[in-house]
Amino acid sequence: MASSVDQLTVKIFADGADKAGMLEMAAKPHIAGLTTNPTLMNKAGIKDYRAFAKDILSVIKDKPISFEVFCDDFPTMERQAREIAGWGSNVYAKIPVTNCAGEPAYGLIRTLAKAKVKQNVTALMTLGQVRDVSNALGDDAPCNISVFAGRIADTGRDPLPLMAAAVEMMKPYPNQELIWASPRELLNIFQADDIGCHIITVTNDVLKKLSLVGKDLNQYSLETVKMFYADATAAGFEI
C-alpha cells in the first residue's frame, strides 16, 4: 500500500457542487477530475442546471467533469446526455444504472456509447451491474463506471472484494475506468489504490485530511489530548 499521496496511482476526483470549492479543487495538481450530481447541486441551492454547468466549464476546461441527467425516461435521458456531452470535450454525461422503476439503462448506455458519448454510469452496487454496464459500454468511447463502495459499506458489507473483482472484470476494455464512489474516510483512497481502482471521488471534507497522511501518531495523540484539554478549559467545566 502507498505510504504517501505522491505514490498513489489512483486518480482523485473532487466531488461537489459548490462553485468556489470546485474551482479550488480543480486548481490543485493532485485533483485529476471532478464530479457532481443533482443531489449535491440541490443542496448547494442551484436553480439553473445548464447555466451552472456552463459557468463551471468556462473555467474548468482541462480536467474531466461529470454532469448527470435528471429525468426518468430513457428517451429524455438520451436527449439530455447528448446535450450535456456537447458542452465540452472534457464532459462526461452521468447516466443512472436504472430508472426509478428499476429498469436497467443498458440499452441507452449502448446507444450512447456507439454515438461516442463519454459516459459516467452511476449508482452501481453489484457485480452483475458492473458486468452488464461494462458489456454495454464496450470499447467505443472513454467512460467511467461508478460503484458506490461507501454505500455498500454502509450495509455492513466489505466493498473491497467487489471492487477488486470489478477491476478484473473491466480489464478487457482499456477505455473503461472504475470509480470508487462515496468513500467514507481517507483510508479508502489508499484501499482503492491498492486494488488498482482507476479513480476515487472524494468530497472536500475528506480531501482536507490529506495533510494528515503519514503524520506521526505519537504527535497526533498529543495534539488530541491538548484539544480535549483546551475545549474543557474553554467550556469552563468544573467537578
C-alpha atoms as a PDB file:
ATOM      1  CA  MET A   1       0.000   0.000   0.000  1.00  0.00           C
ATOM      2  CA  ALA A   2       1.244   3.501  -0.869  1.00  0.00           C
ATOM      3  CA  SER A   3       2.575   5.436   2.118  1.00  0.00           C
ATOM      4  CA  SER A   4       2.181   8.945   0.694  1.00  0.00           C
ATOM      5  CA  VAL A   5      -0.058  10.866  -1.696  1.00  0.00           C
ATOM      6  CA  ASP A   6       2.818  11.181  -4.191  1.00  0.00           C
ATOM      7  CA  GLN A   7       2.997   7.387  -4.517  1.00  0.00           C
ATOM      8  CA  LEU A   8      -0.677   6.959  -5.431  1.00  0.00           C
ATOM      9  CA  THR A   9      -1.628   5.766  -8.898  1.00  0.00           C
ATOM     10  CA  VAL A  10      -5.396   6.055  -8.353  1.00  0.00           C
ATOM     11  CA  LYS A  11      -6.743   9.341  -9.727  1.00  0.00           C
ATOM     12  CA  ILE A  12      -8.517  11.572  -7.214  1.00  0.00           C
ATOM     13  CA  PHE A  13     -11.679  13.313  -8.428  1.00  0.00           C
ATOM     14  CA  ALA A  14     -13.267  16.045  -6.302  1.00  0.00           C
ATOM     15  CA  ASP A  15     -16.979  15.516  -5.679  1.00  0.00           C
ATOM     16  CA  GLY A  16     -19.135  18.574  -5.052  1.00  0.00           C
ATOM     17  CA  ALA A  17     -21.399  21.310  -6.415  1.00  0.00           C
ATOM     18  CA  ASP A  18     -20.148  24.410  -4.625  1.00  0.00           C
ATOM     19  CA  LYS A  19     -18.589  26.643  -7.278  1.00  0.00           C
ATOM     20  CA  ALA A  20     -15.858  28.076  -5.045  1.00  0.00           C
ATOM     21  CA  GLY A  21     -14.955  24.622  -3.756  1.00  0.00           C
ATOM     22  CA  MET A  22     -14.957  23.103  -7.249  1.00  0.00           C
ATOM     23  CA  LEU A  23     -12.667  25.785  -8.639  1.00  0.00           C
ATOM     24  CA  GLU A  24     -10.370  25.496  -5.624  1.00  0.00           C
ATOM     25  CA  MET A  25     -10.069  21.735  -6.061  1.00  0.00           C
ATOM     26  CA  ALA A  26      -9.672  21.940  -9.855  1.00  0.00           C
ATOM     27  CA  ALA A  27      -6.655  24.203  -9.385  1.00  0.00           C
ATOM     28  CA  LYS A  28      -4.835  21.585  -7.302  1.00  0.00           C
ATOM     29  CA  PRO A  29      -2.400  19.404  -9.262  1.00  0.00           C
ATOM     30  CA  HIS A  30      -3.346  16.222  -7.352  1.00  0.00           C
ATOM     31  CA  ILE A  31      -7.024  16.562  -8.379  1.00  0.00           C
ATOM     32  CA  ALA A  32      -7.387  14.798 -11.734  1.00  0.00           C
ATOM     33  CA  GLY A  33     -11.077  15.500 -12.361  1.00  0.00           C
ATOM     34  CA  LEU A  34     -14.430  16.432 -10.860  1.00  0.00           C
ATOM     35  CA  THR A  35     -17.916  15.004 -10.467  1.00  0.00           C
ATOM     36  CA  THR A  36     -21.224  16.349  -9.273  1.00  0.00           C
ATOM     37  CA  ASN A  37     -24.834  15.155  -9.098  1.00  0.00           C
ATOM     38  CA  PRO A  38     -28.361  16.600  -8.761  1.00  0.00           C
ATOM     39  CA  THR A  39     -28.453  15.943  -5.005  1.00  0.00           C
ATOM     40  CA  LEU A  40     -25.284  17.950  -4.386  1.00  0.00           C
ATOM     41  CA  MET A  41     -26.492  20.692  -6.725  1.00  0.00           C
ATOM     42  CA  ASN A  42     -29.845  20.905  -4.944  1.00  0.00           C
ATOM     43  CA  LYS A  43     -28.110  21.174  -1.562  1.00  0.00           C
ATOM     44  CA  ALA A  44     -25.969  23.983  -2.994  1.00  0.00           C
ATOM     45  CA  GLY A  45     -29.127  25.885  -3.954  1.00  0.00           C
ATOM     46  CA  ILE A  46     -28.529  25.728  -7.707  1.00  0.00           C
ATOM     47  CA  LYS A  47     -31.667  26.526  -9.723  1.00  0.00           C
ATOM     48  CA  ASP A  48     -30.442  26.757 -13.320  1.00  0.00           C
ATOM     49  CA  TYR A  49     -28.668  23.500 -14.142  1.00  0.00           C
ATOM     50  CA  ARG A  50     -27.443  24.488 -17.610  1.00  0.00           C
ATOM     51  CA  ALA A  51     -26.219  27.929 -16.534  1.00  0.00           C
ATOM     52  CA  PHE A  52     -24.342  26.475 -13.546  1.00  0.00           C
ATOM     53  CA  ALA A  53     -22.659  23.799 -15.656  1.00  0.00           C
ATOM     54  CA  LYS A  54     -21.586  26.221 -18.368  1.00  0.00           C
ATOM     55  CA  ASP A  55     -20.302  28.682 -15.764  1.00  0.00           C
ATOM     56  CA  ILE A  56     -18.109  25.952 -14.257  1.00  0.00           C
ATOM     57  CA  LEU A  57     -16.962  24.790 -17.690  1.00  0.00           C
ATOM     58  CA  SER A  58     -15.907  28.304 -18.658  1.00  0.00           C
ATOM     59  CA  VAL A  59     -13.120  27.870 -16.091  1.00  0.00           C
ATOM     60  CA  ILE A  60     -12.538  24.102 -15.887  1.00  0.00           C
ATOM     61  CA  LYS A  61     -11.573  23.090 -19.401  1.00  0.00           C
ATOM     62  CA  ASP A  62      -8.648  20.722 -18.994  1.00  0.00           C
ATOM     63  CA  LYS A  63      -9.916  18.152 -16.478  1.00  0.00           C
ATOM     64  CA  PRO A  64     -12.753  15.629 -16.902  1.00  0.00           C
ATOM     65  CA  ILE A  65     -16.008  16.596 -15.206  1.00  0.00           C
ATOM     66  CA  SER A  66     -19.335  14.752 -14.981  1.00  0.00           C
ATOM     67  CA  PHE A  67     -22.843  16.214 -15.056  1.00  0.00           C
ATOM     68  CA  GLU A  68     -25.829  13.919 -14.534  1.00  0.00           C
ATOM     69  CA  VAL A  69     -29.080  13.604 -16.447  1.00  0.00           C
ATOM     70  CA  PHE A  70     -32.096  14.293 -14.241  1.00  0.00           C
ATOM     71  CA  CYS A  71     -35.112  12.619 -15.820  1.00  0.00           C
ATOM     72  CA  ASP A  72     -36.641   9.155 -15.506  1.00  0.00           C
ATOM     73  CA  ASP A  73     -37.463   8.049 -19.047  1.00  0.00           C
ATOM     74  CA  PHE A  74     -34.799   6.797 -21.379  1.00  0.00           C
ATOM     75  CA  PRO A  75     -35.626   8.930 -24.467  1.00  0.00           C
ATOM     76  CA  THR A  76     -35.308  12.116 -22.392  1.00  0.00           C
ATOM     77  CA  MET A  77     -32.156  10.757 -20.745  1.00  0.00           C
ATOM     78  CA  GLU A  78     -30.653  10.300 -24.204  1.00  0.00           C
ATOM     79  CA  ARG A  79     -31.563  13.847 -25.254  1.00  0.00           C
ATOM     80  CA  GLN A  80     -30.122  15.317 -22.046  1.00  0.00           C
ATOM     81  CA  ALA A  81     -26.987  13.161 -22.232  1.00  0.00           C
ATOM     82  CA  ARG A  82     -26.245  14.252 -25.793  1.00  0.00           C
ATOM     83  CA  GLU A  83     -26.669  17.923 -24.865  1.00  0.00           C
ATOM     84  CA  ILE A  84     -24.531  17.573 -21.710  1.00  0.00           C
ATOM     85  CA  ALA A  85     -21.777  15.819 -23.648  1.00  0.00           C
ATOM     86  CA  GLY A  86     -21.840  18.657 -26.159  1.00  0.00           C
ATOM     87  CA  TRP A  87     -20.895  21.238 -23.525  1.00  0.00           C
ATOM     88  CA  GLY A  88     -17.208  20.348 -23.768  1.00  0.00           C
ATOM     89  CA  SER A  89     -14.692  17.704 -24.786  1.00  0.00           C
ATOM     90  CA  ASN A  90     -13.906  17.136 -21.082  1.00  0.00           C
ATOM     91  CA  VAL A  91     -17.558  16.488 -20.146  1.00  0.00           C
ATOM     92  CA  TYR A  92     -18.957  13.082 -19.214  1.00  0.00           C
ATOM     93  CA  ALA A  93     -22.722  12.542 -19.115  1.00  0.00           C
ATOM     94  CA  LYS A  94     -23.695  10.712 -15.928  1.00  0.00           C
ATOM     95  CA  ILE A  95     -26.296   8.022 -16.543  1.00  0.00           C
ATOM     96  CA  PRO A  96     -28.017   6.144 -13.675  1.00  0.00           C
ATOM     97  CA  VAL A  97     -27.735   2.382 -13.961  1.00  0.00           C
ATOM     98  CA  THR A  98     -31.557   2.100 -13.843  1.00  0.00           C
ATOM     99  CA  ASN A  99     -34.550   4.401 -13.841  1.00  0.00           C
ATOM    100  CA  CYS A 100     -36.761   4.816 -10.753  1.00  0.00           C
ATOM    101  CA  ALA A 101     -38.779   1.727 -11.732  1.00  0.00           C
ATOM    102  CA  GLY A 102     -35.607  -0.363 -11.582  1.00  0.00           C
ATOM    103  CA  GLU A 103     -35.493  -0.831 -15.357  1.00  0.00           C
ATOM    104  CA  PRO A 104     -31.857  -1.184 -16.497  1.00  0.00           C
ATOM    105  CA  ALA A 105     -30.406   1.572 -18.680  1.00  0.00           C
ATOM    106  CA  TYR A 106     -28.188  -0.845 -20.621  1.00  0.00           C
ATOM    107  CA  GLY A 107     -29.867  -0.173 -23.974  1.00  0.00           C
ATOM    108  CA  LEU A 108     -29.433   3.579 -23.598  1.00  0.00           C
ATOM    109  CA  ILE A 109     -25.849   3.137 -22.429  1.00  0.00           C
ATOM    110  CA  ARG A 110     -25.073   1.041 -25.510  1.00  0.00           C
ATOM    111  CA  THR A 111     -26.697   3.597 -27.837  1.00  0.00           C
ATOM    112  CA  LEU A 112     -24.754   6.500 -26.329  1.00  0.00           C
ATOM    113  CA  ALA A 113     -21.506   4.523 -26.424  1.00  0.00           C
ATOM    114  CA  LYS A 114     -21.973   3.807 -30.131  1.00  0.00           C
ATOM    115  CA  ALA A 115     -22.502   7.557 -30.613  1.00  0.00           C
ATOM    116  CA  LYS A 116     -19.121   8.174 -28.915  1.00  0.00           C
ATOM    117  CA  VAL A 117     -20.732   9.981 -25.965  1.00  0.00           C
ATOM    118  CA  LYS A 118     -18.450   9.928 -22.935  1.00  0.00           C
ATOM    119  CA  GLN A 119     -20.421   8.421 -20.055  1.00  0.00           C
ATOM    120  CA  ASN A 120     -20.121   8.038 -16.318  1.00  0.00           C
ATOM    121  CA  VAL A 121     -22.596   5.304 -15.429  1.00  0.00           C
ATOM    122  CA  THR A 122     -23.501   5.777 -11.797  1.00  0.00           C
ATOM    123  CA  ALA A 123     -25.146   4.244  -8.713  1.00  0.00           C
ATOM    124  CA  LEU A 124     -23.929   0.672  -9.286  1.00  0.00           C
ATOM    125  CA  MET A 125     -23.680  -1.631  -6.275  1.00  0.00           C
ATOM    126  CA  THR A 126     -23.447  -5.191  -7.618  1.00  0.00           C
ATOM    127  CA  LEU A 127     -21.007  -7.126  -9.771  1.00  0.00           C
ATOM    128  CA  GLY A 128     -23.882  -8.101 -12.027  1.00  0.00           C
ATOM    129  CA  GLN A 129     -24.464  -4.437 -12.766  1.00  0.00           C
ATOM    130  CA  VAL A 130     -20.752  -3.902 -13.420  1.00  0.00           C
ATOM    131  CA  ARG A 131     -20.710  -6.812 -15.880  1.00  0.00           C
ATOM    132  CA  ASP A 132     -23.770  -5.633 -17.793  1.00  0.00           C
ATOM    133  CA  VAL A 133     -22.739  -1.972 -17.880  1.00  0.00           C
ATOM    134  CA  SER A 134     -19.214  -2.869 -18.981  1.00  0.00           C
ATOM    135  CA  ASN A 135     -20.578  -5.015 -21.799  1.00  0.00           C
ATOM    136  CA  ALA A 136     -22.968  -2.240 -22.860  1.00  0.00           C
ATOM    137  CA  LEU A 137     -20.209   0.368 -22.919  1.00  0.00           C
ATOM    138  CA  GLY A 138     -17.830  -1.824 -24.859  1.00  0.00           C
ATOM    139  CA  ASP A 139     -14.759  -0.158 -26.325  1.00  0.00           C
ATOM    140  CA  ASP A 140     -16.448   2.697 -28.176  1.00  0.00           C
ATOM    141  CA  ALA A 141     -15.622   5.763 -26.053  1.00  0.00           C
ATOM    142  CA  PRO A 142     -13.830   6.790 -22.843  1.00  0.00           C
ATOM    143  CA  CYS A 143     -16.148   6.057 -19.937  1.00  0.00           C
ATOM    144  CA  ASN A 144     -16.422   5.590 -16.194  1.00  0.00           C
ATOM    145  CA  ILE A 145     -18.297   3.038 -14.110  1.00  0.00           C
ATOM    146  CA  SER A 146     -19.130   4.397 -10.654  1.00  0.00           C
ATOM    147  CA  VAL A 147     -19.595   1.743  -7.955  1.00  0.00           C
ATOM    148  CA  PHE A 148     -20.821   3.205  -4.671  1.00  0.00           C
ATOM    149  CA  ALA A 149     -18.402   1.389  -2.407  1.00  0.00           C
ATOM    150  CA  GLY A 150     -19.199   3.660   0.537  1.00  0.00           C
ATOM    151  CA  ARG A 151     -22.892   2.842   0.393  1.00  0.00           C
ATOM    152  CA  ILE A 152     -22.070  -0.858   0.110  1.00  0.00           C
ATOM    153  CA  ALA A 153     -20.013  -0.489   3.300  1.00  0.00           C
ATOM    154  CA  ASP A 154     -22.963   1.279   4.957  1.00  0.00           C
ATOM    155  CA  THR A 155     -24.891  -2.009   4.681  1.00  0.00           C
ATOM    156  CA  GLY A 156     -22.245  -3.873   6.684  1.00  0.00           C
ATOM    157  CA  ARG A 157     -20.602  -5.426   3.627  1.00  0.00           C
ATOM    158  CA  ASP A 158     -16.895  -5.113   2.840  1.00  0.00           C
ATOM    159  CA  PRO A 159     -16.706  -3.434  -0.598  1.00  0.00           C
ATOM    160  CA  LEU A 160     -13.065  -4.369  -1.232  1.00  0.00           C
ATOM    161  CA  PRO A 161     -13.657  -7.850  -2.734  1.00  0.00           C
ATOM    162  CA  LEU A 162     -16.358  -6.490  -5.022  1.00  0.00           C
ATOM    163  CA  MET A 163     -14.236  -3.551  -6.142  1.00  0.00           C
ATOM    164  CA  ALA A 164     -11.227  -5.788  -6.798  1.00  0.00           C
ATOM    165  CA  ALA A 165     -13.406  -8.142  -8.852  1.00  0.00           C
ATOM    166  CA  ALA A 166     -14.794  -5.163 -10.803  1.00  0.00           C
ATOM    167  CA  VAL A 167     -11.260  -4.068 -11.727  1.00  0.00           C
ATOM    168  CA  GLU A 168     -10.592  -7.537 -13.175  1.00  0.00           C
ATOM    169  CA  MET A 169     -13.973  -7.645 -14.924  1.00  0.00           C
ATOM    170  CA  MET A 170     -13.298  -4.387 -16.764  1.00  0.00           C
ATOM    171  CA  LYS A 171      -9.763  -5.252 -17.933  1.00  0.00           C
ATOM    172  CA  PRO A 172     -10.826  -6.289 -21.471  1.00  0.00           C
ATOM    173  CA  TYR A 173     -11.861  -2.659 -22.063  1.00  0.00           C
ATOM    174  CA  PRO A 174      -8.967  -0.214 -21.506  1.00  0.00           C
ATOM    175  CA  ASN A 175     -11.291   2.716 -22.314  1.00  0.00           C
ATOM    176  CA  GLN A 176     -13.293   1.956 -19.157  1.00  0.00           C
ATOM    177  CA  GLU A 177     -12.276   3.293 -15.751  1.00  0.00           C
ATOM    178  CA  LEU A 178     -13.690   2.138 -12.428  1.00  0.00           C
ATOM    179  CA  ILE A 179     -14.688   4.816  -9.934  1.00  0.00           C
ATOM    180  CA  TRP A 180     -14.735   4.102  -6.194  1.00  0.00           C
ATOM    181  CA  ALA A 181     -17.671   6.354  -5.321  1.00  0.00           C
ATOM    182  CA  SER A 182     -18.961   7.637  -1.968  1.00  0.00           C
ATOM    183  CA  PRO A 183     -15.815   6.980   0.126  1.00  0.00           C
ATOM    184  CA  ARG A 184     -16.290   7.409   3.852  1.00  0.00           C
ATOM    185  CA  GLU A 185     -12.718   8.043   5.015  1.00  0.00           C
ATOM    186  CA  LEU A 186      -9.279   8.942   3.721  1.00  0.00           C
ATOM    187  CA  LEU A 187      -8.127   5.326   4.083  1.00  0.00           C
ATOM    188  CA  ASN A 188     -10.453   4.443   1.192  1.00  0.00           C
ATOM    189  CA  ILE A 189      -8.135   6.335  -1.184  1.00  0.00           C
ATOM    190  CA  PHE A 190      -5.262   4.010  -0.298  1.00  0.00           C
ATOM    191  CA  GLN A 191      -7.518   0.936  -0.424  1.00  0.00           C
ATOM    192  CA  ALA A 192      -8.695   1.906  -3.900  1.00  0.00           C
ATOM    193  CA  ASP A 193      -5.101   2.437  -4.992  1.00  0.00           C
ATOM    194  CA  ASP A 194      -4.025  -0.927  -3.580  1.00  0.00           C
ATOM    195  CA  ILE A 195      -6.527  -2.908  -5.693  1.00  0.00           C
ATOM    196  CA  GLY A 196      -5.799  -0.981  -8.889  1.00  0.00           C
ATOM    197  CA  CYS A 197      -9.017   1.041  -8.965  1.00  0.00           C
ATOM    198  CA  HIS A 198      -8.642   3.811 -11.540  1.00  0.00           C
ATOM    199  CA  ILE A 199     -10.479   6.718  -9.870  1.00  0.00           C
ATOM    200  CA  ILE A 200     -11.908   7.646  -6.480  1.00  0.00           C
ATOM    201  CA  THR A 201     -14.352  10.512  -5.987  1.00  0.00           C
ATOM    202  CA  VAL A 202     -13.732  12.411  -2.761  1.00  0.00           C
ATOM    203  CA  THR A 203     -15.666  15.216  -1.080  1.00  0.00           C
ATOM    204  CA  ASN A 204     -13.881  18.342   0.115  1.00  0.00           C
ATOM    205  CA  ASP A 205     -14.216  17.421   3.804  1.00  0.00           C
ATOM    206  CA  VAL A 206     -12.297  14.175   3.202  1.00  0.00           C
ATOM    207  CA  LEU A 207      -9.784  15.838   0.877  1.00  0.00           C
ATOM    208  CA  LYS A 208      -8.878  18.275   3.635  1.00  0.00           C
ATOM    209  CA  LYS A 209      -7.496  15.330   5.609  1.00  0.00           C
ATOM    210  CA  LEU A 210      -4.762  14.693   3.024  1.00  0.00           C
ATOM    211  CA  SER A 211      -2.402  16.782   5.141  1.00  0.00           C
ATOM    212  CA  LEU A 212      -2.632  14.062   7.807  1.00  0.00           C
ATOM    213  CA  VAL A 213      -1.178  11.331   5.581  1.00  0.00           C
ATOM    214  CA  GLY A 214       1.937   9.887   7.205  1.00  0.00           C
ATOM    215  CA  LYS A 215       1.553  12.032  10.324  1.00  0.00           C
ATOM    216  CA  ASP A 216       3.447  10.797  13.391  1.00  0.00           C
ATOM    217  CA  LEU A 217       0.862   9.043  15.551  1.00  0.00           C
ATOM    218  CA  ASN A 218       2.522   9.983  18.845  1.00  0.00           C
ATOM    219  CA  GLN A 219       2.328  13.634  17.845  1.00  0.00           C
ATOM    220  CA  TYR A 220      -1.281  13.191  16.688  1.00  0.00           C
ATOM    221  CA  SER A 221      -2.110  11.576  20.047  1.00  0.00           C
ATOM    222  CA  LEU A 222      -0.596  14.511  21.936  1.00  0.00           C
ATOM    223  CA  GLU A 223      -2.494  17.018  19.786  1.00  0.00           C
ATOM    224  CA  THR A 224      -5.727  15.167  20.552  1.00  0.00           C
ATOM    225  CA  VAL A 225      -5.044  15.309  24.298  1.00  0.00           C
ATOM    226  CA  LYS A 226      -4.348  19.034  24.031  1.00  0.00           C
ATOM    227  CA  MET A 227      -7.564  19.547  22.069  1.00  0.00           C
ATOM    228  CA  PHE A 228      -9.675  17.871  24.768  1.00  0.00           C
ATOM    229  CA  TYR A 229      -7.949  19.929  27.477  1.00  0.00           C
ATOM    230  CA  ALA A 230      -8.377  23.197  25.587  1.00  0.00           C
ATOM    231  CA  ASP A 231     -12.057  22.550  24.883  1.00  0.00           C
ATOM    232  CA  ALA A 232     -12.778  21.582  28.503  1.00  0.00           C
ATOM    233  CA  THR A 233     -10.998  24.740  29.700  1.00  0.00           C
ATOM    234  CA  ALA A 234     -12.878  26.912  27.183  1.00  0.00           C
ATOM    235  CA  ALA A 235     -16.178  25.463  28.363  1.00  0.00           C
ATOM    236  CA  GLY A 236     -15.340  26.261  31.995  1.00  0.00           C
ATOM    237  CA  PHE A 237     -16.154  22.758  33.194  1.00  0.00           C
ATOM    238  CA  GLU A 238     -15.881  22.057  36.944  1.00  0.00           C
ATOM    239  CA  ILE A 239     -16.381  18.979  39.080  1.00  0.00           C
END
